[in-house]
Amino acid sequence: MTETRLVILGLGNVLCTDDGVGPAAVSRLWREWEAPPEVSVVDGGTLGLALMPLLETVDEAILVDAVAVDGEAPGSRVRLEGDDIPPAVLHRLSPHQIGVADLLDALRLLGRTPPRLILVGLVPESLGLGIEPTPAVAAAIPSLVDDVVGEARRLGHFFRRRPVHENPHPASALSVFHALGM
């Protein structure tokens, strides 16, 4: 079995409209792209500190999430790296983001932050209750998935686009519970 070097982690609450952009993006990634063996694509939802075992031993991580950026239109794409990420997730968009800030702080305090940490996301329009993203954010999700694939490629990990007729069974997607040994 190949050792995981890169984790792509979708974060967010799927019950809060645009806050669910991370899980929506990784779901689309699973359906449309085949990850190389050294890459794990995980829907981390709102688990916060429970995600530490997933991140503390990898070389690289790409977080996918909703990110508030002053002055940016809903659906705008965001890319942050390294030390620019913690301040961005400190501004609480939803209940899960305190968990993300705590997760990054805990990793830093233990000296286990992945050496390469990237956050890509979309500016949300709404975080109200609802299971569908707003139109502006929904329209930007395909571009966000392309951004994730592009970031992985820049890190040396090459995804293969699945043929249209090849639709993996949902069970083939790595669940966070499986990844954490639960």
C-alpha atoms as a PDB file:
ATOM      1  CA  MET A   1       0.000   0.000   0.000  1.00  0.00           C
ATOM      2  CA  THR A   2       1.295   3.441  -0.932  1.00  0.00           C
ATOM      3  CA  GLU A   3       1.869   5.885   1.906  1.00  0.00           C
ATOM      4  CA  THR A   4      -0.378   8.963   1.848  1.00  0.00           C
ATOM      5  CA  ARG A   5       1.612  12.091   1.095  1.00  0.00           C
ATOM      6  CA  LEU A   6      -1.230  14.480   0.245  1.00  0.00           C
ATOM      7  CA  VAL A   7      -4.616  14.812   1.904  1.00  0.00           C
ATOM      8  CA  ILE A   8      -7.347  16.794   0.211  1.00  0.00           C
ATOM      9  CA  LEU A   9      -9.826  17.636   2.936  1.00  0.00           C
ATOM     10  CA  GLY A  10     -13.301  19.025   2.279  1.00  0.00           C
ATOM     11  CA  LEU A  11     -14.546  21.015   5.271  1.00  0.00           C
ATOM     12  CA  GLY A  12     -17.947  22.438   6.066  1.00  0.00           C
ATOM     13  CA  ASN A  13     -21.485  21.865   7.175  1.00  0.00           C
ATOM     14  CA  VAL A  14     -23.702  20.494   4.399  1.00  0.00           C
ATOM     15  CA  LEU A  15     -26.789  21.698   6.292  1.00  0.00           C
ATOM     16  CA  CYS A  16     -25.761  25.371   6.044  1.00  0.00           C
ATOM     17  CA  THR A  17     -26.042  26.234   2.323  1.00  0.00           C
ATOM     18  CA  ASP A  18     -22.688  27.630   1.133  1.00  0.00           C
ATOM     19  CA  ASP A  19     -20.799  26.336   4.172  1.00  0.00           C
ATOM     20  CA  GLY A  20     -21.063  22.891   2.569  1.00  0.00           C
ATOM     21  CA  VAL A  21     -18.825  23.871  -0.351  1.00  0.00           C
ATOM     22  CA  GLY A  22     -15.888  21.731   0.875  1.00  0.00           C
ATOM     23  CA  PRO A  23     -17.850  18.474   1.039  1.00  0.00           C
ATOM     24  CA  ALA A  24     -19.613  19.336  -2.253  1.00  0.00           C
ATOM     25  CA  ALA A  25     -16.276  19.898  -3.987  1.00  0.00           C
ATOM     26  CA  VAL A  26     -14.661  16.671  -2.744  1.00  0.00           C
ATOM     27  CA  SER A  27     -17.789  14.738  -3.709  1.00  0.00           C
ATOM     28  CA  ARG A  28     -17.508  16.089  -7.244  1.00  0.00           C
ATOM     29  CA  LEU A  29     -13.760  15.361  -7.221  1.00  0.00           C
ATOM     30  CA  TRP A  30     -14.468  11.713  -6.303  1.00  0.00           C
ATOM     31  CA  ARG A  31     -17.017  11.400  -9.115  1.00  0.00           C
ATOM     32  CA  GLU A  32     -14.989  13.062 -11.864  1.00  0.00           C
ATOM     33  CA  TRP A  33     -11.347  12.356 -11.056  1.00  0.00           C
ATOM     34  CA  GLU A  34      -9.264   9.371 -10.008  1.00  0.00           C
ATOM     35  CA  ALA A  35      -6.684  10.227  -7.357  1.00  0.00           C
ATOM     36  CA  PRO A  36      -3.168   8.845  -7.541  1.00  0.00           C
ATOM     37  CA  PRO A  37      -2.382   6.221  -4.878  1.00  0.00           C
ATOM     38  CA  GLU A  38      -0.439   8.598  -2.610  1.00  0.00           C
ATOM     39  CA  VAL A  39      -3.398  11.007  -2.322  1.00  0.00           C
ATOM     40  CA  SER A  40      -6.375  10.702   0.026  1.00  0.00           C
ATOM     41  CA  VAL A  41      -9.514  12.698  -0.720  1.00  0.00           C
ATOM     42  CA  VAL A  42     -11.635  13.023   2.417  1.00  0.00           C
ATOM     43  CA  ASP A  43     -14.899  14.684   3.394  1.00  0.00           C
ATOM     44  CA  GLY A  44     -13.989  15.991   6.851  1.00  0.00           C
ATOM     45  CA  GLY A  45     -17.296  17.756   7.391  1.00  0.00           C
ATOM     46  CA  THR A  46     -17.264  19.529  10.742  1.00  0.00           C
ATOM     47  CA  LEU A  47     -15.087  17.139  12.746  1.00  0.00           C
ATOM     48  CA  GLY A  48     -12.436  19.700  13.782  1.00  0.00           C
ATOM     49  CA  LEU A  49      -9.876  18.215  16.173  1.00  0.00           C
ATOM     50  CA  ALA A  50     -10.913  14.675  15.265  1.00  0.00           C
ATOM     51  CA  LEU A  51      -9.131  15.274  11.939  1.00  0.00           C
ATOM     52  CA  MET A  52      -5.673  15.569  13.558  1.00  0.00           C
ATOM     53  CA  PRO A  53      -4.606  11.965  12.834  1.00  0.00           C
ATOM     54  CA  LEU A  54      -5.368  12.574   9.177  1.00  0.00           C
ATOM     55  CA  LEU A  55      -3.142  15.659   8.893  1.00  0.00           C
ATOM     56  CA  GLU A  56      -0.310  15.200  11.373  1.00  0.00           C
ATOM     57  CA  THR A  57       1.674  12.664   9.341  1.00  0.00           C
ATOM     58  CA  VAL A  58       1.291  13.937   5.770  1.00  0.00           C
ATOM     59  CA  ASP A  59       3.692  16.075   3.771  1.00  0.00           C
ATOM     60  CA  GLU A  60       0.991  18.165   2.110  1.00  0.00           C
ATOM     61  CA  ALA A  61      -2.629  19.095   2.669  1.00  0.00           C
ATOM     62  CA  ILE A  62      -5.167  20.967   0.596  1.00  0.00           C
ATOM     63  CA  LEU A  63      -8.131  22.208   2.634  1.00  0.00           C
ATOM     64  CA  VAL A  64     -11.317  22.985   0.702  1.00  0.00           C
ATOM     65  CA  ASP A  65     -13.759  25.299   2.473  1.00  0.00           C
ATOM     66  CA  ALA A  66     -15.940  28.397   2.396  1.00  0.00           C
ATOM     67  CA  VAL A  67     -13.781  31.460   3.104  1.00  0.00           C
ATOM     68  CA  ALA A  68     -15.017  34.977   3.899  1.00  0.00           C
ATOM     69  CA  VAL A  69     -13.031  37.658   2.079  1.00  0.00           C
ATOM     70  CA  ASP A  70     -14.060  41.294   2.500  1.00  0.00           C
ATOM     71  CA  GLY A  71     -15.083  42.923  -0.745  1.00  0.00           C
ATOM     72  CA  GLU A  72     -15.221  39.706  -2.771  1.00  0.00           C
ATOM     73  CA  ALA A  73     -18.404  38.584  -4.501  1.00  0.00           C
ATOM     74  CA  PRO A  74     -20.120  35.326  -3.528  1.00  0.00           C
ATOM     75  CA  GLY A  75     -18.647  32.453  -5.516  1.00  0.00           C
ATOM     76  CA  SER A  76     -15.241  34.147  -5.861  1.00  0.00           C
ATOM     77  CA  ARG A  77     -12.379  31.686  -5.663  1.00  0.00           C
ATOM     78  CA  VAL A  78      -9.870  31.977  -2.826  1.00  0.00           C
ATOM     79  CA  ARG A  79      -6.383  30.527  -2.441  1.00  0.00           C
ATOM     80  CA  LEU A  80      -4.309  30.827   0.726  1.00  0.00           C
ATOM     81  CA  GLU A  81      -1.122  29.114   1.761  1.00  0.00           C
ATOM     82  CA  GLY A  82       0.846  28.507   4.951  1.00  0.00           C
ATOM     83  CA  ASP A  83       0.670  31.274   7.552  1.00  0.00           C
ATOM     84  CA  ASP A  84      -2.134  33.074   5.675  1.00  0.00           C
ATOM     85  CA  ILE A  85      -4.603  30.279   6.475  1.00  0.00           C
ATOM     86  CA  PRO A  86      -5.076  30.513  10.294  1.00  0.00           C
ATOM     87  CA  PRO A  87      -6.238  34.163  10.280  1.00  0.00           C
ATOM     88  CA  ALA A  88      -8.715  33.398   7.484  1.00  0.00           C
ATOM     89  CA  VAL A  89     -10.386  30.558   9.406  1.00  0.00           C
ATOM     90  CA  LEU A  90     -10.331  32.493  12.671  1.00  0.00           C
ATOM     91  CA  HIS A  91     -13.157  34.713  11.418  1.00  0.00           C
ATOM     92  CA  ARG A  92     -16.059  32.488  12.283  1.00  0.00           C
ATOM     93  CA  LEU A  93     -18.377  31.815   9.358  1.00  0.00           C
ATOM     94  CA  SER A  94     -20.158  28.918  10.982  1.00  0.00           C
ATOM     95  CA  PRO A  95     -19.855  26.638  14.015  1.00  0.00           C
ATOM     96  CA  HIS A  96     -17.372  24.341  12.235  1.00  0.00           C
ATOM     97  CA  GLN A  97     -14.787  27.044  11.609  1.00  0.00           C
ATOM     98  CA  ILE A  98     -13.763  27.290  15.235  1.00  0.00           C
ATOM     99  CA  GLY A  99     -12.976  23.593  14.857  1.00  0.00           C
ATOM    100  CA  VAL A 100     -10.765  24.335  11.838  1.00  0.00           C
ATOM    101  CA  ALA A 101      -8.922  27.079  13.733  1.00  0.00           C
ATOM    102  CA  ASP A 102      -8.491  24.752  16.714  1.00  0.00           C
ATOM    103  CA  LEU A 103      -7.253  21.962  14.452  1.00  0.00           C
ATOM    104  CA  LEU A 104      -4.600  24.180  12.850  1.00  0.00           C
ATOM    105  CA  ASP A 105      -3.552  25.583  16.247  1.00  0.00           C
ATOM    106  CA  ALA A 106      -3.236  22.106  17.749  1.00  0.00           C
ATOM    107  CA  LEU A 107      -1.138  20.885  14.821  1.00  0.00           C
ATOM    108  CA  ARG A 108       1.104  23.959  15.108  1.00  0.00           C
ATOM    109  CA  LEU A 109       1.530  23.612  18.878  1.00  0.00           C
ATOM    110  CA  LEU A 110       2.529  19.964  18.491  1.00  0.00           C
ATOM    111  CA  GLY A 111       4.866  20.748  15.603  1.00  0.00           C
ATOM    112  CA  ARG A 112       2.854  18.514  13.293  1.00  0.00           C
ATOM    113  CA  THR A 113       1.464  20.949  10.745  1.00  0.00           C
ATOM    114  CA  PRO A 114       1.954  19.550   7.254  1.00  0.00           C
ATOM    115  CA  PRO A 115       5.017  21.255   5.729  1.00  0.00           C
ATOM    116  CA  ARG A 116       2.872  22.327   2.768  1.00  0.00           C
ATOM    117  CA  LEU A 117      -0.639  23.568   3.661  1.00  0.00           C
ATOM    118  CA  ILE A 118      -2.950  25.163   1.095  1.00  0.00           C
ATOM    119  CA  LEU A 119      -6.560  26.304   1.424  1.00  0.00           C
ATOM    120  CA  VAL A 120      -8.754  26.751  -1.633  1.00  0.00           C
ATOM    121  CA  GLY A 121     -12.337  27.779  -1.371  1.00  0.00           C
ATOM    122  CA  LEU A 122     -15.213  29.969  -2.359  1.00  0.00           C
ATOM    123  CA  VAL A 123     -16.649  33.119  -0.823  1.00  0.00           C
ATOM    124  CA  PRO A 124     -20.094  32.216   0.560  1.00  0.00           C
ATOM    125  CA  GLU A 125     -23.282  34.164   0.030  1.00  0.00           C
ATOM    126  CA  SER A 126     -25.379  32.468   2.697  1.00  0.00           C
ATOM    127  CA  LEU A 127     -24.719  30.247   5.686  1.00  0.00           C
ATOM    128  CA  GLY A 128     -28.371  29.814   6.586  1.00  0.00           C
ATOM    129  CA  LEU A 129     -30.045  26.460   6.938  1.00  0.00           C
ATOM    130  CA  GLY A 130     -30.394  24.630   3.656  1.00  0.00           C
ATOM    131  CA  ILE A 131     -28.856  21.704   1.817  1.00  0.00           C
ATOM    132  CA  GLU A 132     -28.254  23.436  -1.537  1.00  0.00           C
ATOM    133  CA  PRO A 133     -25.601  26.098  -2.158  1.00  0.00           C
ATOM    134  CA  THR A 134     -26.669  29.485  -3.465  1.00  0.00           C
ATOM    135  CA  PRO A 135     -26.610  29.850  -7.271  1.00  0.00           C
ATOM    136  CA  ALA A 136     -23.347  31.854  -7.370  1.00  0.00           C
ATOM    137  CA  VAL A 137     -21.522  29.310  -5.219  1.00  0.00           C
ATOM    138  CA  ALA A 138     -23.038  26.282  -6.989  1.00  0.00           C
ATOM    139  CA  ALA A 139     -21.892  27.698 -10.340  1.00  0.00           C
ATOM    140  CA  ALA A 140     -18.321  28.078  -9.022  1.00  0.00           C
ATOM    141  CA  ILE A 141     -17.927  24.541  -7.610  1.00  0.00           C
ATOM    142  CA  PRO A 142     -16.669  23.016 -10.914  1.00  0.00           C
ATOM    143  CA  SER A 143     -13.937  25.689 -11.080  1.00  0.00           C
ATOM    144  CA  LEU A 144     -13.073  25.021  -7.444  1.00  0.00           C
ATOM    145  CA  VAL A 145     -12.601  21.323  -8.227  1.00  0.00           C
ATOM    146  CA  ASP A 146     -10.340  22.310 -11.128  1.00  0.00           C
ATOM    147  CA  ASP A 147      -8.366  24.482  -8.665  1.00  0.00           C
ATOM    148  CA  VAL A 148      -7.915  21.490  -6.337  1.00  0.00           C
ATOM    149  CA  VAL A 149      -6.702  19.286  -9.201  1.00  0.00           C
ATOM    150  CA  GLY A 150      -4.363  22.078 -10.312  1.00  0.00           C
ATOM    151  CA  GLU A 151      -2.942  22.540  -6.802  1.00  0.00           C
ATOM    152  CA  ALA A 152      -2.337  18.795  -6.546  1.00  0.00           C
ATOM    153  CA  ARG A 153      -0.587  18.845  -9.929  1.00  0.00           C
ATOM    154  CA  ARG A 154       1.668  21.731  -8.791  1.00  0.00           C
ATOM    155  CA  LEU A 155       2.610  19.558  -5.815  1.00  0.00           C
ATOM    156  CA  GLY A 156       3.475  16.663  -8.140  1.00  0.00           C
ATOM    157  CA  HIS A 157       0.275  14.588  -7.807  1.00  0.00           C
ATOM    158  CA  PHE A 158      -1.526  13.868 -11.058  1.00  0.00           C
ATOM    159  CA  PHE A 159      -5.243  13.062 -11.102  1.00  0.00           C
ATOM    160  CA  ARG A 160      -6.821  11.223 -14.028  1.00  0.00           C
ATOM    161  CA  ARG A 161     -10.198  12.402 -15.310  1.00  0.00           C
ATOM    162  CA  ARG A 162     -12.711   9.573 -15.168  1.00  0.00           C
ATOM    163  CA  PRO A 163     -14.489   8.684 -18.409  1.00  0.00           C
ATOM    164  CA  VAL A 164     -18.076   9.929 -18.402  1.00  0.00           C
ATOM    165  CA  HIS A 165     -19.429   6.366 -18.261  1.00  0.00           C
ATOM    166  CA  GLU A 166     -17.265   5.495 -15.236  1.00  0.00           C
ATOM    167  CA  ASN A 167     -19.123   6.504 -12.110  1.00  0.00           C
ATOM    168  CA  PRO A 168     -17.540   5.084  -8.959  1.00  0.00           C
ATOM    169  CA  HIS A 169     -19.821   3.604  -6.365  1.00  0.00           C
ATOM    170  CA  PRO A 170     -20.156   6.067  -3.451  1.00  0.00           C
ATOM    171  CA  ALA A 171     -18.635   3.428  -1.177  1.00  0.00           C
ATOM    172  CA  SER A 172     -15.360   3.857  -3.068  1.00  0.00           C
ATOM    173  CA  ALA A 173     -15.026   7.350  -1.624  1.00  0.00           C
ATOM    174  CA  LEU A 174     -12.862   7.450   1.456  1.00  0.00           C
ATOM    175  CA  SER A 175     -14.967   8.396   4.433  1.00  0.00           C
ATOM    176  CA  VAL A 176     -13.381  10.220   7.317  1.00  0.00           C
ATOM    177  CA  PHE A 177     -14.474   7.406   9.623  1.00  0.00           C
ATOM    178  CA  HIS A 178     -12.528   4.873   7.537  1.00  0.00           C
ATOM    179  CA  ALA A 179      -9.510   7.196   7.356  1.00  0.00           C
ATOM    180  CA  LEU A 180      -9.485   7.568  11.148  1.00  0.00           C
ATOM    181  CA  GLY A 181      -9.857   3.825  11.708  1.00  0.00           C
ATOM    182  CA  MET A 182     -13.378   4.064  13.139  1.00  0.00           C
END
